Amino acid sequence: GLSATELNWCKANGFSGKAGEQLAVANTEGELTKVLVGTGDGISDD
């Protein structure tokens, strides 16, 4: 569900959704808009 720009940003930073990965995403004004959080195979309820 990420935009092409966000996907390129992920590629440039080596972010692939692995558990423990974290990547800040800013808009064109440099303001933080979201933080991508890698969850690996998904989040366990326990």
ModelCIF file with pLDDT and N, C-alpha, C, O atoms, coordinates in Angstrom:
data_MODEL
#
_entry.id   MODEL 
#
_entity.id                         1 
_entity.type                       polymer 
_entity.pdbx_number_of_molecules   1 
#
_entity_poly.entity_id                      1 
_entity_poly.type                           'polypeptide(L)' 
_entity_poly.nstd_linkage                   no 
_entity_poly.nstd_monomer                   no 
_entity_poly.pdbx_seq_one_letter_code       GLSATELNWCKANGFSGKAGEQLAVANTEGELTKVLVGTGDGISDD 
_entity_poly.pdbx_seq_one_letter_code_can   GLSATELNWCKANGFSGKAGEQLAVANTEGELTKVLVGTGDGISDD 
_entity_poly.pdbx_strand_id                 A 
#
loop_
_entity_poly_seq.entity_id 
_entity_poly_seq.num 
_entity_poly_seq.mon_id 
_entity_poly_seq.hetero 
1 1  GLY n 
1 2  LEU n 
1 3  SER n 
1 4  ALA n 
1 5  THR n 
1 6  GLU n 
1 7  LEU n 
1 8  ASN n 
1 9  TRP n 
1 10 CYS n 
1 11 LYS n 
1 12 ALA n 
1 13 ASN n 
1 14 GLY n 
1 15 PHE n 
1 16 SER n 
1 17 GLY n 
1 18 LYS n 
1 19 ALA n 
1 20 GLY n 
1 21 GLU n 
1 22 GLN n 
1 23 LEU n 
1 24 ALA n 
1 25 VAL n 
1 26 ALA n 
1 27 ASN n 
1 28 THR n 
1 29 GLU n 
1 30 GLY n 
1 31 GLU n 
1 32 LEU n 
1 33 THR n 
1 34 LYS n 
1 35 VAL n 
1 36 LEU n 
1 37 VAL n 
1 38 GLY n 
1 39 THR n 
1 40 GLY n 
1 41 ASP n 
1 42 GLY n 
1 43 ILE n 
1 44 SER n 
1 45 ASP n 
1 46 ASP n 
#
_struct_asym.id          A 
_struct_asym.entity_id   1 
#
loop_
_ma_qa_metric.id 
_ma_qa_metric.mode 
_ma_qa_metric.name 
_ma_qa_metric.software_group_id 
_ma_qa_metric.type 
1 global pLDDT . pLDDT 
2 local  pLDDT . pLDDT 
#
_ma_qa_metric_global.metric_id      1 
_ma_qa_metric_global.metric_value   87.48 
_ma_qa_metric_global.model_id       1 
_ma_qa_metric_global.ordinal_id     1 
#
loop_
_ma_qa_metric_local.label_asym_id 
_ma_qa_metric_local.label_comp_id 
_ma_qa_metric_local.label_seq_id 
_ma_qa_metric_local.metric_id 
_ma_qa_metric_local.metric_value 
_ma_qa_metric_local.model_id 
_ma_qa_metric_local.ordinal_id 
A GLY 1  2 75.00 1 1  
A LEU 2  2 80.00 1 2  
A SER 3  2 83.00 1 3  
A ALA 4  2 84.00 1 4  
A THR 5  2 85.00 1 5  
A GLU 6  2 84.00 1 6  
A LEU 7  2 85.00 1 7  
A ASN 8  2 87.00 1 8  
A TRP 9  2 89.00 1 9  
A CYS 10 2 88.00 1 10 
A LYS 11 2 88.00 1 11 
A ALA 12 2 91.00 1 12 
A ASN 13 2 92.00 1 13 
A GLY 14 2 90.00 1 14 
A PHE 15 2 90.00 1 15 
A SER 16 2 87.00 1 16 
A GLY 17 2 88.00 1 17 
A LYS 18 2 89.00 1 18 
A ALA 19 2 87.00 1 19 
A GLY 20 2 84.00 1 20 
A GLU 21 2 90.00 1 21 
A GLN 22 2 92.00 1 22 
A LEU 23 2 93.00 1 23 
A ALA 24 2 92.00 1 24 
A VAL 25 2 91.00 1 25 
A ALA 26 2 87.00 1 26 
A ASN 27 2 82.00 1 27 
A THR 28 2 77.00 1 28 
A GLU 29 2 80.00 1 29 
A GLY 30 2 80.00 1 30 
A GLU 31 2 82.00 1 31 
A LEU 32 2 88.00 1 32 
A THR 33 2 86.00 1 33 
A LYS 34 2 90.00 1 34 
A VAL 35 2 93.00 1 35 
A LEU 36 2 92.00 1 36 
A VAL 37 2 93.00 1 37 
A GLY 38 2 91.00 1 38 
A THR 39 2 91.00 1 39 
A GLY 40 2 89.00 1 40 
A ASP 41 2 87.00 1 41 
A GLY 42 2 87.00 1 42 
A ILE 43 2 91.00 1 43 
A SER 44 2 90.00 1 44 
A ASP 45 2 92.00 1 45 
A ASP 46 2 92.00 1 46 
#
loop_
_atom_site.group_PDB 
_atom_site.id 
_atom_site.type_symbol 
_atom_site.label_atom_id 
_atom_site.label_alt_id 
_atom_site.label_comp_id 
_atom_site.label_asym_id 
_atom_site.label_entity_id 
_atom_site.label_seq_id 
_atom_site.pdbx_PDB_ins_code 
_atom_site.Cartn_x 
_atom_site.Cartn_y 
_atom_site.Cartn_z 
_atom_site.occupancy 
_atom_site.B_iso_or_equiv 
_atom_site.pdbx_formal_charge 
_atom_site.auth_seq_id 
_atom_site.auth_comp_id 
_atom_site.auth_asym_id 
_atom_site.auth_atom_id 
_atom_site.pdbx_PDB_model_num 
ATOM 1   N N  . GLY A 1 1  ? 0.797  -1.219  0.000  1.00 75.00 ? 1  GLY A N  1 
ATOM 2   C CA . GLY A 1 1  ? 0.000  0.000   0.000  1.00 75.00 ? 1  GLY A CA 1 
ATOM 3   C C  . GLY A 1 1  ? 0.827  1.264   0.000  1.00 75.00 ? 1  GLY A C  1 
ATOM 4   O O  . GLY A 1 1  ? 0.280  2.351   0.189  1.00 75.00 ? 1  GLY A O  1 
ATOM 5   N N  . LEU A 1 2  ? 2.128  1.157   -0.206 1.00 80.00 ? 2  LEU A N  1 
ATOM 6   C CA . LEU A 1 2  ? 2.996  2.327   -0.209 1.00 80.00 ? 2  LEU A CA 1 
ATOM 7   C C  . LEU A 1 2  ? 3.026  2.942   -1.606 1.00 80.00 ? 2  LEU A C  1 
ATOM 8   O O  . LEU A 1 2  ? 2.875  2.242   -2.607 1.00 80.00 ? 2  LEU A O  1 
ATOM 9   N N  . SER A 1 3  ? 3.221  4.240   -1.660 1.00 83.00 ? 3  SER A N  1 
ATOM 10  C CA . SER A 1 3  ? 3.322  4.927   -2.939 1.00 83.00 ? 3  SER A CA 1 
ATOM 11  C C  . SER A 1 3  ? 4.665  4.609   -3.597 1.00 83.00 ? 3  SER A C  1 
ATOM 12  O O  . SER A 1 3  ? 5.573  4.074   -2.961 1.00 83.00 ? 3  SER A O  1 
ATOM 13  N N  . ALA A 1 4  ? 4.774  4.954   -4.897 1.00 84.00 ? 4  ALA A N  1 
ATOM 14  C CA . ALA A 1 4  ? 6.024  4.704   -5.604 1.00 84.00 ? 4  ALA A CA 1 
ATOM 15  C C  . ALA A 1 4  ? 7.181  5.458   -4.954 1.00 84.00 ? 4  ALA A C  1 
ATOM 16  O O  . ALA A 1 4  ? 8.295  4.943   -4.859 1.00 84.00 ? 4  ALA A O  1 
ATOM 17  N N  . THR A 1 5  ? 6.903  6.683   -4.510 1.00 85.00 ? 5  THR A N  1 
ATOM 18  C CA . THR A 1 5  ? 7.947  7.465   -3.849 1.00 85.00 ? 5  THR A CA 1 
ATOM 19  C C  . THR A 1 5  ? 8.395  6.792   -2.559 1.00 85.00 ? 5  THR A C  1 
ATOM 20  O O  . THR A 1 5  ? 9.589  6.731   -2.264 1.00 85.00 ? 5  THR A O  1 
ATOM 21  N N  . GLU A 1 6  ? 7.421  6.283   -1.785 1.00 84.00 ? 6  GLU A N  1 
ATOM 22  C CA . GLU A 1 6  ? 7.744  5.626   -0.525 1.00 84.00 ? 6  GLU A CA 1 
ATOM 23  C C  . GLU A 1 6  ? 8.503  4.325   -0.757 1.00 84.00 ? 6  GLU A C  1 
ATOM 24  O O  . GLU A 1 6  ? 9.420  3.983   -0.009 1.00 84.00 ? 6  GLU A O  1 
ATOM 25  N N  . LEU A 1 7  ? 8.103  3.599   -1.816 1.00 85.00 ? 7  LEU A N  1 
ATOM 26  C CA . LEU A 1 7  ? 8.809  2.361   -2.136 1.00 85.00 ? 7  LEU A CA 1 
ATOM 27  C C  . LEU A 1 7  ? 10.256 2.651   -2.524 1.00 85.00 ? 7  LEU A C  1 
ATOM 28  O O  . LEU A 1 7  ? 11.164 1.921   -2.127 1.00 85.00 ? 7  LEU A O  1 
ATOM 29  N N  . ASN A 1 8  ? 10.469 3.691   -3.281 1.00 87.00 ? 8  ASN A N  1 
ATOM 30  C CA . ASN A 1 8  ? 11.837 4.070   -3.645 1.00 87.00 ? 8  ASN A CA 1 
ATOM 31  C C  . ASN A 1 8  ? 12.651 4.449   -2.407 1.00 87.00 ? 8  ASN A C  1 
ATOM 32  O O  . ASN A 1 8  ? 13.831 4.114   -2.299 1.00 87.00 ? 8  ASN A O  1 
ATOM 33  N N  . TRP A 1 9  ? 12.004 5.148   -1.481 1.00 89.00 ? 9  TRP A N  1 
ATOM 34  C CA . TRP A 1 9  ? 12.659 5.523   -0.229 1.00 89.00 ? 9  TRP A CA 1 
ATOM 35  C C  . TRP A 1 9  ? 13.062 4.279   0.568  1.00 89.00 ? 9  TRP A C  1 
ATOM 36  O O  . TRP A 1 9  ? 14.152 4.208   1.136  1.00 89.00 ? 9  TRP A O  1 
ATOM 37  N N  . CYS A 1 10 ? 12.144 3.296   0.593  1.00 88.00 ? 10 CYS A N  1 
ATOM 38  C CA . CYS A 1 10 ? 12.436 2.026   1.269  1.00 88.00 ? 10 CYS A CA 1 
ATOM 39  C C  . CYS A 1 10 ? 13.637 1.340   0.629  1.00 88.00 ? 10 CYS A C  1 
ATOM 40  O O  . CYS A 1 10 ? 14.531 0.851   1.321  1.00 88.00 ? 10 CYS A O  1 
ATOM 41  N N  . LYS A 1 11 ? 13.645 1.311   -0.709 1.00 88.00 ? 11 LYS A N  1 
ATOM 42  C CA . LYS A 1 11 ? 14.740 0.664   -1.427 1.00 88.00 ? 11 LYS A CA 1 
ATOM 43  C C  . LYS A 1 11 ? 16.056 1.359   -1.139 1.00 88.00 ? 11 LYS A C  1 
ATOM 44  O O  . LYS A 1 11 ? 17.079 0.704   -0.939 1.00 88.00 ? 11 LYS A O  1 
ATOM 45  N N  . ALA A 1 12 ? 16.035 2.667   -1.117 1.00 91.00 ? 12 ALA A N  1 
ATOM 46  C CA . ALA A 1 12 ? 17.260 3.433   -0.875 1.00 91.00 ? 12 ALA A CA 1 
ATOM 47  C C  . ALA A 1 12 ? 17.811 3.201   0.526  1.00 91.00 ? 12 ALA A C  1 
ATOM 48  O O  . ALA A 1 12 ? 19.016 3.317   0.751  1.00 91.00 ? 12 ALA A O  1 
ATOM 49  N N  . ASN A 1 13 ? 16.921 2.869   1.477  1.00 92.00 ? 13 ASN A N  1 
ATOM 50  C CA . ASN A 1 13 ? 17.333 2.667   2.871  1.00 92.00 ? 13 ASN A CA 1 
ATOM 51  C C  . ASN A 1 13 ? 17.412 1.203   3.271  1.00 92.00 ? 13 ASN A C  1 
ATOM 52  O O  . ASN A 1 13 ? 17.693 0.878   4.425  1.00 92.00 ? 13 ASN A O  1 
ATOM 53  N N  . GLY A 1 14 ? 17.160 0.310   2.294  1.00 90.00 ? 14 GLY A N  1 
ATOM 54  C CA . GLY A 1 14 ? 17.269 -1.115  2.588  1.00 90.00 ? 14 GLY A CA 1 
ATOM 55  C C  . GLY A 1 14 ? 16.156 -1.660  3.462  1.00 90.00 ? 14 GLY A C  1 
ATOM 56  O O  . GLY A 1 14 ? 16.322 -2.696  4.106  1.00 90.00 ? 14 GLY A O  1 
ATOM 57  N N  . PHE A 1 15 ? 15.019 -0.972  3.491  1.00 90.00 ? 15 PHE A N  1 
ATOM 58  C CA . PHE A 1 15 ? 13.880 -1.427  4.296  1.00 90.00 ? 15 PHE A CA 1 
ATOM 59  C C  . PHE A 1 15 ? 13.073 -2.453  3.506  1.00 90.00 ? 15 PHE A C  1 
ATOM 60  O O  . PHE A 1 15 ? 12.699 -2.208  2.359  1.00 90.00 ? 15 PHE A O  1 
ATOM 61  N N  . SER A 1 16 ? 12.807 -3.612  4.131  1.00 87.00 ? 16 SER A N  1 
ATOM 62  C CA . SER A 1 16 ? 12.081 -4.669  3.421  1.00 87.00 ? 16 SER A CA 1 
ATOM 63  C C  . SER A 1 16 ? 10.954 -5.287  4.234  1.00 87.00 ? 16 SER A C  1 
ATOM 64  O O  . SER A 1 16 ? 10.379 -6.292  3.815  1.00 87.00 ? 16 SER A O  1 
ATOM 65  N N  . GLY A 1 17 ? 10.628 -4.717  5.377  1.00 88.00 ? 17 GLY A N  1 
ATOM 66  C CA . GLY A 1 17 ? 9.534  -5.233  6.197  1.00 88.00 ? 17 GLY A CA 1 
ATOM 67  C C  . GLY A 1 17 ? 9.935  -6.321  7.170  1.00 88.00 ? 17 GLY A C  1 
ATOM 68  O O  . GLY A 1 17 ? 9.069  -6.954  7.774  1.00 88.00 ? 17 GLY A O  1 
ATOM 69  N N  . LYS A 1 18 ? 11.224 -6.553  7.335  1.00 89.00 ? 18 LYS A N  1 
ATOM 70  C CA . LYS A 1 18 ? 11.657 -7.548  8.298  1.00 89.00 ? 18 LYS A CA 1 
ATOM 71  C C  . LYS A 1 18 ? 11.311 -7.086  9.721  1.00 89.00 ? 18 LYS A C  1 
ATOM 72  O O  . LYS A 1 18 ? 11.270 -5.891  10.013 1.00 89.00 ? 18 LYS A O  1 
ATOM 73  N N  . ALA A 1 19 ? 11.066 -8.060  10.585 1.00 87.00 ? 19 ALA A N  1 
ATOM 74  C CA . ALA A 1 19 ? 10.747 -7.729  11.973 1.00 87.00 ? 19 ALA A CA 1 
ATOM 75  C C  . ALA A 1 19 ? 11.880 -6.921  12.593 1.00 87.00 ? 19 ALA A C  1 
ATOM 76  O O  . ALA A 1 19 ? 13.050 -7.290  12.481 1.00 87.00 ? 19 ALA A O  1 
ATOM 77  N N  . GLY A 1 20 ? 11.528 -5.821  13.245 1.00 84.00 ? 20 GLY A N  1 
ATOM 78  C CA . GLY A 1 20 ? 12.506 -4.974  13.906 1.00 84.00 ? 20 GLY A CA 1 
ATOM 79  C C  . GLY A 1 20 ? 12.969 -3.803  13.078 1.00 84.00 ? 20 GLY A C  1 
ATOM 80  O O  . GLY A 1 20 ? 13.579 -2.876  13.611 1.00 84.00 ? 20 GLY A O  1 
ATOM 81  N N  . GLU A 1 21 ? 12.695 -3.819  11.773 1.00 90.00 ? 21 GLU A N  1 
ATOM 82  C CA . GLU A 1 21 ? 13.081 -2.684  10.936 1.00 90.00 ? 21 GLU A CA 1 
ATOM 83  C C  . GLU A 1 21 ? 12.145 -1.499  11.176 1.00 90.00 ? 21 GLU A C  1 
ATOM 84  O O  . GLU A 1 21 ? 10.969 -1.669  11.499 1.00 90.00 ? 21 GLU A O  1 
ATOM 85  N N  . GLN A 1 22 ? 12.688 -0.318  11.013 1.00 92.00 ? 22 GLN A N  1 
ATOM 86  C CA . GLN A 1 22 ? 11.915 0.890   11.231 1.00 92.00 ? 22 GLN A CA 1 
ATOM 87  C C  . GLN A 1 22 ? 12.448 1.990   10.317 1.00 92.00 ? 22 GLN A C  1 
ATOM 88  O O  . GLN A 1 22 ? 13.659 2.181   10.216 1.00 92.00 ? 22 GLN A O  1 
ATOM 89  N N  . LEU A 1 23 ? 11.548 2.712   9.654  1.00 93.00 ? 23 LEU A N  1 
ATOM 90  C CA . LEU A 1 23 ? 11.984 3.732   8.701  1.00 93.00 ? 23 LEU A CA 1 
ATOM 91  C C  . LEU A 1 23 ? 11.048 4.924   8.750  1.00 93.00 ? 23 LEU A C  1 
ATOM 92  O O  . LEU A 1 23 ? 9.840  4.775   8.563  1.00 93.00 ? 23 LEU A O  1 
ATOM 93  N N  . ALA A 1 24 ? 11.596 6.111   9.001  1.00 92.00 ? 24 ALA A N  1 
ATOM 94  C CA . ALA A 1 24 ? 10.802 7.341   9.017  1.00 92.00 ? 24 ALA A CA 1 
ATOM 95  C C  . ALA A 1 24 ? 10.579 7.834   7.591  1.00 92.00 ? 24 ALA A C  1 
ATOM 96  O O  . ALA A 1 24 ? 11.485 7.782   6.759  1.00 92.00 ? 24 ALA A O  1 
ATOM 97  N N  . VAL A 1 25 ? 9.361  8.316   7.316  1.00 91.00 ? 25 VAL A N  1 
ATOM 98  C CA . VAL A 1 25 ? 9.000  8.841   5.997  1.00 91.00 ? 25 VAL A CA 1 
ATOM 99  C C  . VAL A 1 25 ? 8.513  10.274  6.175  1.00 91.00 ? 25 VAL A C  1 
ATOM 100 O O  . VAL A 1 25 ? 7.638  10.541  6.998  1.00 91.00 ? 25 VAL A O  1 
ATOM 101 N N  . ALA A 1 26 ? 9.091  11.202  5.391  1.00 87.00 ? 26 ALA A N  1 
ATOM 102 C CA . ALA A 1 26 ? 8.719  12.610  5.491  1.00 87.00 ? 26 ALA A CA 1 
ATOM 103 C C  . ALA A 1 26 ? 8.065  13.082  4.199  1.00 87.00 ? 26 ALA A C  1 
ATOM 104 O O  . ALA A 1 26 ? 8.241  12.462  3.150  1.00 87.00 ? 26 ALA A O  1 
ATOM 105 N N  . ASN A 1 27 ? 7.312  14.178  4.270  1.00 82.00 ? 27 ASN A N  1 
ATOM 106 C CA . ASN A 1 27 ? 6.726  14.763  3.065  1.00 82.00 ? 27 ASN A CA 1 
ATOM 107 C C  . ASN A 1 27 ? 7.748  15.689  2.393  1.00 82.00 ? 27 ASN A C  1 
ATOM 108 O O  . ASN A 1 27 ? 8.895  15.782  2.832  1.00 82.00 ? 27 ASN A O  1 
ATOM 109 N N  . THR A 1 28 ? 7.329  16.357  1.350  1.00 77.00 ? 28 THR A N  1 
ATOM 110 C CA . THR A 1 28 ? 8.259  17.207  0.590  1.00 77.00 ? 28 THR A CA 1 
ATOM 111 C C  . THR A 1 28 ? 8.754  18.391  1.396  1.00 77.00 ? 28 THR A C  1 
ATOM 112 O O  . THR A 1 28 ? 9.770  18.996  1.058  1.00 77.00 ? 28 THR A O  1 
ATOM 113 N N  . GLU A 1 29 ? 8.023  18.731  2.486  1.00 80.00 ? 29 GLU A N  1 
ATOM 114 C CA . GLU A 1 29 ? 8.463  19.821  3.350  1.00 80.00 ? 29 GLU A CA 1 
ATOM 115 C C  . GLU A 1 29 ? 9.380  19.324  4.466  1.00 80.00 ? 29 GLU A C  1 
ATOM 116 O O  . GLU A 1 29 ? 9.820  20.097  5.317  1.00 80.00 ? 29 GLU A O  1 
ATOM 117 N N  . GLY A 1 30 ? 9.660  18.022  4.447  1.00 80.00 ? 30 GLY A N  1 
ATOM 118 C CA . GLY A 1 30 ? 10.527 17.458  5.473  1.00 80.00 ? 30 GLY A CA 1 
ATOM 119 C C  . GLY A 1 30 ? 9.829  17.141  6.776  1.00 80.00 ? 30 GLY A C  1 
ATOM 120 O O  . GLY A 1 30 ? 10.487 16.856  7.777  1.00 80.00 ? 30 GLY A O  1 
ATOM 121 N N  . GLU A 1 31 ? 8.491  17.187  6.782  1.00 82.00 ? 31 GLU A N  1 
ATOM 122 C CA . GLU A 1 31 ? 7.733  16.876  8.000  1.00 82.00 ? 31 GLU A CA 1 
ATOM 123 C C  . GLU A 1 31 ? 7.473  15.380  8.074  1.00 82.00 ? 31 GLU A C  1 
ATOM 124 O O  . GLU A 1 31 ? 7.124  14.749  7.076  1.00 82.00 ? 31 GLU A O  1 
ATOM 125 N N  . LEU A 1 32 ? 7.648  14.816  9.276  1.00 88.00 ? 32 LEU A N  1 
ATOM 126 C CA . LEU A 1 32 ? 7.404  13.389  9.479  1.00 88.00 ? 32 LEU A CA 1 
ATOM 127 C C  . LEU A 1 32 ? 5.923  13.075  9.284  1.00 88.00 ? 32 LEU A C  1 
ATOM 128 O O  . LEU A 1 32 ? 5.071  13.658  9.954  1.00 88.00 ? 32 LEU A O  1 
ATOM 129 N N  . THR A 1 33 ? 5.615  12.156  8.370  1.00 86.00 ? 33 THR A N  1 
ATOM 130 C CA . THR A 1 33 ? 4.229  11.788  8.106  1.00 86.00 ? 33 THR A CA 1 
ATOM 131 C C  . THR A 1 33 ? 3.892  10.377  8.561  1.00 86.00 ? 33 THR A C  1 
ATOM 132 O O  . THR A 1 33 ? 2.759  10.095  8.951  1.00 86.00 ? 33 THR A O  1 
ATOM 133 N N  . LYS A 1 34 ? 4.870  9.502   8.511  1.00 90.00 ? 34 LYS A N  1 
ATOM 134 C CA . LYS A 1 34 ? 4.629  8.135   8.957  1.00 90.00 ? 34 LYS A CA 1 
ATOM 135 C C  . LYS A 1 34 ? 5.959  7.481   9.296  1.00 90.00 ? 34 LYS A C  1 
ATOM 136 O O  . LYS A 1 34 ? 7.029  7.921   8.877  1.00 90.00 ? 34 LYS A O  1 
ATOM 137 N N  . VAL A 1 35 ? 5.843  6.412   10.074 1.00 93.00 ? 35 VAL A N  1 
ATOM 138 C CA . VAL A 1 35 ? 6.993  5.577   10.375 1.00 93.00 ? 35 VAL A CA 1 
ATOM 139 C C  . VAL A 1 35 ? 6.642  4.162   9.947  1.00 93.00 ? 35 VAL A C  1 
ATOM 140 O O  . VAL A 1 35 ? 5.682  3.580   10.451 1.00 93.00 ? 35 VAL A O  1 
ATOM 141 N N  . LEU A 1 36 ? 7.409  3.610   9.027  1.00 92.00 ? 36 LEU A N  1 
ATOM 142 C CA . LEU A 1 36 ? 7.185  2.236   8.591  1.00 92.00 ? 36 LEU A CA 1 
ATOM 143 C C  . LEU A 1 36 ? 7.777  1.285   9.627  1.00 92.00 ? 36 LEU A C  1 
ATOM 144 O O  . LEU A 1 36 ? 8.918  1.447   10.058 1.00 92.00 ? 36 LEU A O  1 
ATOM 145 N N  . VAL A 1 37 ? 6.988  0.300   10.014 1.00 93.00 ? 37 VAL A N  1 
ATOM 146 C CA . VAL A 1 37 ? 7.391  -0.658  11.048 1.00 93.00 ? 37 VAL A CA 1 
ATOM 147 C C  . VAL A 1 37 ? 7.351  -2.054  10.454 1.00 93.00 ? 37 VAL A C  1 
ATOM 148 O O  . VAL A 1 37 ? 6.282  -2.553  10.105 1.00 93.00 ? 37 VAL A O  1 
ATOM 149 N N  . GLY A 1 38 ? 8.496  -2.677  10.339 1.00 91.00 ? 38 GLY A N  1 
ATOM 150 C CA . GLY A 1 38 ? 8.547  -4.033  9.811  1.00 91.00 ? 38 GLY A CA 1 
ATOM 151 C C  . GLY A 1 38 ? 8.031  -5.035  10.823 1.00 91.00 ? 38 GLY A C  1 
ATOM 152 O O  . GLY A 1 38 ? 8.396  -4.988  11.998 1.00 91.00 ? 38 GLY A O  1 
ATOM 153 N N  . THR A 1 39 ? 7.176  -5.948  10.360 1.00 91.00 ? 39 THR A N  1 
ATOM 154 C CA . THR A 1 39 ? 6.592  -6.948  11.262 1.00 91.00 ? 39 THR A CA 1 
ATOM 155 C C  . THR A 1 39 ? 6.934  -8.373  10.857 1.00 91.00 ? 39 THR A C  1 
ATOM 156 O O  . THR A 1 39 ? 6.383  -9.322  11.414 1.00 91.00 ? 39 THR A O  1 
ATOM 157 N N  . GLY A 1 40 ? 7.848  -8.535  9.883  1.00 89.00 ? 40 GLY A N  1 
ATOM 158 C CA . GLY A 1 40 ? 8.258  -9.881  9.496  1.00 89.00 ? 40 GLY A CA 1 
ATOM 159 C C  . GLY A 1 40 ? 7.104  -10.702 8.967  1.00 89.00 ? 40 GLY A C  1 
ATOM 160 O O  . GLY A 1 40 ? 6.461  -10.314 7.991  1.00 89.00 ? 40 GLY A O  1 
ATOM 161 N N  . ASP A 1 41 ? 6.836  -11.820 9.591  1.00 87.00 ? 41 ASP A N  1 
ATOM 162 C CA . ASP A 1 41 ? 5.735  -12.703 9.170  1.00 87.00 ? 41 ASP A CA 1 
ATOM 163 C C  . ASP A 1 41 ? 4.400  -12.303 9.775  1.00 87.00 ? 41 ASP A C  1 
ATOM 164 O O  . ASP A 1 41 ? 3.407  -13.006 9.587  1.00 87.00 ? 41 ASP A O  1 
ATOM 165 N N  . GLY A 1 42 ? 4.355  -11.202 10.490 1.00 87.00 ? 42 GLY A N  1 
ATOM 166 C CA . GLY A 1 42 ? 3.111  -10.740 11.105 1.00 87.00 ? 42 GLY A CA 1 
ATOM 167 C C  . GLY A 1 42 ? 3.245  -10.651 12.613 1.00 87.00 ? 42 GLY A C  1 
ATOM 168 O O  . GLY A 1 42 ? 4.246  -11.082 13.186 1.00 87.00 ? 42 GLY A O  1 
ATOM 169 N N  . ILE A 1 43 ? 2.226  -10.088 13.250 1.00 91.00 ? 43 ILE A N  1 
ATOM 170 C CA . ILE A 1 43 ? 2.253  -9.848  14.692 1.00 91.00 ? 43 ILE A CA 1 
ATOM 171 C C  . ILE A 1 43 ? 1.473  -10.933 15.419 1.00 91.00 ? 43 ILE A C  1 
ATOM 172 O O  . ILE A 1 43 ? 0.335  -11.242 15.063 1.00 91.00 ? 43 ILE A O  1 
ATOM 173 N N  . SER A 1 44 ? 2.090  -11.499 16.428 1.00 90.00 ? 44 SER A N  1 
ATOM 174 C CA . SER A 1 44 ? 1.433  -12.522 17.241 1.00 90.00 ? 44 SER A CA 1 
ATOM 175 C C  . SER A 1 44 ? 0.590  -11.864 18.325 1.00 90.00 ? 44 SER A C  1 
ATOM 176 O O  . SER A 1 44 ? 0.962  -10.827 18.875 1.00 90.00 ? 44 SER A O  1 
ATOM 177 N N  . ASP A 1 45 ? -0.547 -12.479 18.625 1.00 92.00 ? 45 ASP A N  1 
ATOM 178 C CA . ASP A 1 45 ? -1.426 -11.948 19.673 1.00 92.00 ? 45 ASP A CA 1 
ATOM 179 C C  . ASP A 1 45 ? -0.858 -12.130 21.077 1.00 92.00 ? 45 ASP A C  1 
ATOM 180 O O  . ASP A 1 45 ? -1.374 -11.545 22.030 1.00 92.00 ? 45 ASP A O  1 
ATOM 181 N N  . ASP A 1 46 ? 0.194  -12.930 21.218 1.00 92.00 ? 46 ASP A N  1 
ATOM 182 C CA . ASP A 1 46 ? 0.722  -13.194 22.557 1.00 92.00 ? 46 ASP A CA 1 
ATOM 183 C C  . ASP A 1 46 ? 2.077  -12.514 22.794 1.00 92.00 ? 46 ASP A C  1 
ATOM 184 O O  . ASP A 1 46 ? 2.651  -12.642 23.875 1.00 92.00 ? 46 ASP A O  1 
#
